[in-house]
Amino acid sequence: MATMTNCIFNGRTIGIDEAIEIKDSGSSAALDFRCTECNQHVRPHRSGGHAAAHF
């Protein structure tokens, strides 16, 4: 189960709450969230069920 709560966006580290706000802003630009460890593309997920918000 993923538990990462920070990522890299536009060259800076942001938290999951900010990432979800950015995603929800409706920007038509491609969102490039990256893993802080391996630099691979990640997607923000809201909390729900038994999982907390995470990438």
N, C-alpha and C. Protein backbone atom coordinates (compact mmCIF):
# COMPACT_ATOMS: atom_id res chain seq x y z
N MET A 1 0.85 -1.18 0.00
CA MET A 1 0.00 0.00 0.00
C MET A 1 0.89 1.24 0.00
N ALA A 2 0.60 2.15 -0.89
CA ALA A 2 1.38 3.39 -0.97
C ALA A 2 1.13 4.26 0.25
N THR A 3 2.20 4.87 0.75
CA THR A 3 2.06 5.74 1.93
C THR A 3 2.78 7.06 1.73
N MET A 4 3.26 7.34 0.54
CA MET A 4 4.02 8.56 0.28
C MET A 4 3.09 9.77 0.37
N THR A 5 3.51 10.81 1.09
CA THR A 5 2.68 11.99 1.26
C THR A 5 3.33 13.26 0.74
N ASN A 6 4.50 13.15 0.13
CA ASN A 6 5.17 14.28 -0.50
C ASN A 6 5.61 13.89 -1.90
N CYS A 7 5.70 14.88 -2.78
CA CYS A 7 6.20 14.64 -4.13
C CYS A 7 6.93 15.88 -4.61
N ILE A 8 7.50 15.79 -5.79
CA ILE A 8 8.15 16.94 -6.41
C ILE A 8 7.23 17.44 -7.52
N PHE A 9 6.95 18.74 -7.51
CA PHE A 9 6.12 19.36 -8.53
C PHE A 9 6.76 20.68 -8.91
N ASN A 10 7.09 20.84 -10.18
CA ASN A 10 7.76 22.06 -10.67
C ASN A 10 9.04 22.36 -9.89
N GLY A 11 9.79 21.32 -9.56
CA GLY A 11 11.08 21.50 -8.91
C GLY A 11 11.06 21.73 -7.41
N ARG A 12 9.89 21.64 -6.79
CA ARG A 12 9.83 21.81 -5.33
C ARG A 12 9.00 20.70 -4.71
N THR A 13 9.28 20.42 -3.45
CA THR A 13 8.56 19.38 -2.73
C THR A 13 7.25 19.95 -2.19
N ILE A 14 6.16 19.24 -2.45
CA ILE A 14 4.85 19.64 -1.96
C ILE A 14 4.19 18.45 -1.27
N GLY A 15 3.20 18.73 -0.45
CA GLY A 15 2.46 17.69 0.26
C GLY A 15 1.24 17.24 -0.53
N ILE A 16 0.64 16.17 -0.06
CA ILE A 16 -0.51 15.58 -0.73
C ILE A 16 -1.70 16.55 -0.81
N ASP A 17 -1.94 17.33 0.23
CA ASP A 17 -3.07 18.27 0.22
C ASP A 17 -2.91 19.30 -0.89
N GLU A 18 -1.71 19.85 -1.02
CA GLU A 18 -1.47 20.84 -2.07
C GLU A 18 -1.58 20.19 -3.45
N ALA A 19 -1.10 18.96 -3.59
CA ALA A 19 -1.19 18.26 -4.87
C ALA A 19 -2.64 18.04 -5.28
N ILE A 20 -3.47 17.67 -4.34
CA ILE A 20 -4.89 17.46 -4.65
C ILE A 20 -5.54 18.77 -5.04
N GLU A 21 -5.19 19.87 -4.37
CA GLU A 21 -5.72 21.19 -4.74
C GLU A 21 -5.30 21.56 -6.16
N ILE A 22 -4.05 21.31 -6.51
CA ILE A 22 -3.56 21.60 -7.85
C ILE A 22 -4.32 20.77 -8.88
N LYS A 23 -4.49 19.49 -8.59
CA LYS A 23 -5.20 18.58 -9.49
C LYS A 23 -6.65 19.05 -9.69
N ASP A 24 -7.29 19.50 -8.60
CA ASP A 24 -8.69 19.92 -8.66
C ASP A 24 -8.88 21.30 -9.27
N SER A 25 -7.79 22.05 -9.46
CA SER A 25 -7.91 23.41 -9.99
C SER A 25 -8.41 23.43 -11.43
N GLY A 26 -8.37 22.29 -12.09
CA GLY A 26 -8.89 22.21 -13.44
C GLY A 26 -7.94 22.72 -14.50
N SER A 27 -6.68 22.81 -14.17
CA SER A 27 -5.68 23.26 -15.13
C SER A 27 -5.63 22.30 -16.32
N SER A 28 -5.56 22.86 -17.51
CA SER A 28 -5.52 22.02 -18.70
C SER A 28 -4.10 21.53 -18.99
N ALA A 29 -3.12 22.09 -18.31
CA ALA A 29 -1.73 21.67 -18.50
C ALA A 29 -1.51 20.29 -17.89
N ALA A 30 -0.60 19.52 -18.47
CA ALA A 30 -0.26 18.21 -17.93
C ALA A 30 0.40 18.39 -16.57
N LEU A 31 -0.07 17.66 -15.59
CA LEU A 31 0.47 17.76 -14.24
C LEU A 31 1.59 16.74 -14.08
N ASP A 32 2.74 17.20 -13.66
CA ASP A 32 3.91 16.35 -13.57
C ASP A 32 4.35 16.20 -12.12
N PHE A 33 3.66 15.32 -11.38
CA PHE A 33 4.03 14.99 -10.02
C PHE A 33 5.06 13.88 -10.07
N ARG A 34 6.17 14.01 -9.33
CA ARG A 34 7.26 13.04 -9.37
C ARG A 34 7.58 12.53 -7.98
N CYS A 35 7.97 11.26 -7.90
CA CYS A 35 8.40 10.62 -6.65
C CYS A 35 9.67 11.31 -6.14
N THR A 36 9.74 11.54 -4.83
CA THR A 36 10.91 12.17 -4.24
C THR A 36 12.11 11.23 -4.19
N GLU A 37 11.89 9.94 -4.34
CA GLU A 37 12.99 8.97 -4.26
C GLU A 37 13.49 8.51 -5.62
N CYS A 38 12.57 8.18 -6.54
CA CYS A 38 12.98 7.59 -7.82
C CYS A 38 12.69 8.48 -9.03
N ASN A 39 12.02 9.60 -8.81
CA ASN A 39 11.69 10.58 -9.85
C ASN A 39 10.72 10.05 -10.90
N GLN A 40 10.01 8.97 -10.60
CA GLN A 40 8.99 8.45 -11.51
C GLN A 40 7.69 9.23 -11.32
N HIS A 41 6.85 9.21 -12.35
CA HIS A 41 5.55 9.89 -12.30
C HIS A 41 4.66 9.24 -11.23
N VAL A 42 3.98 10.08 -10.43
CA VAL A 42 3.03 9.59 -9.42
C VAL A 42 1.74 10.39 -9.55
N ARG A 43 0.65 9.85 -9.01
CA ARG A 43 -0.65 10.52 -9.03
C ARG A 43 -1.15 10.68 -7.60
N PRO A 44 -1.74 11.83 -7.28
CA PRO A 44 -2.31 12.02 -5.94
C PRO A 44 -3.66 11.33 -5.82
N HIS A 45 -3.89 10.67 -4.70
CA HIS A 45 -5.15 9.98 -4.41
C HIS A 45 -5.73 10.53 -3.11
N ARG A 46 -7.03 10.77 -3.11
CA ARG A 46 -7.73 11.24 -1.90
C ARG A 46 -7.84 10.10 -0.88
N SER A 47 -8.11 10.49 0.36
CA SER A 47 -8.36 9.47 1.37
C SER A 47 -9.73 8.86 1.13
N GLY A 48 -9.90 7.64 1.56
CA GLY A 48 -11.18 6.97 1.41
C GLY A 48 -11.06 5.53 1.88
N GLY A 49 -12.16 5.01 2.35
CA GLY A 49 -12.14 3.66 2.87
C GLY A 49 -11.18 3.55 4.03
N HIS A 50 -10.17 2.71 3.90
CA HIS A 50 -9.18 2.52 4.97
C HIS A 50 -7.85 3.16 4.65
N ALA A 51 -7.76 3.91 3.54
CA ALA A 51 -6.49 4.50 3.12
C ALA A 51 -6.50 6.01 3.31
N ALA A 52 -5.40 6.52 3.82
CA ALA A 52 -5.23 7.97 3.93
C ALA A 52 -4.82 8.50 2.56
N ALA A 53 -4.91 9.80 2.37
CA ALA A 53 -4.49 10.40 1.11
C ALA A 53 -3.01 10.08 0.88
N HIS A 54 -2.66 9.80 -0.38
CA HIS A 54 -1.29 9.38 -0.69
C HIS A 54 -1.03 9.53 -2.18
N PHE A 55 0.22 9.33 -2.55
CA PHE A 55 0.62 9.27 -3.97
C PHE A 55 0.77 7.82 -4.35
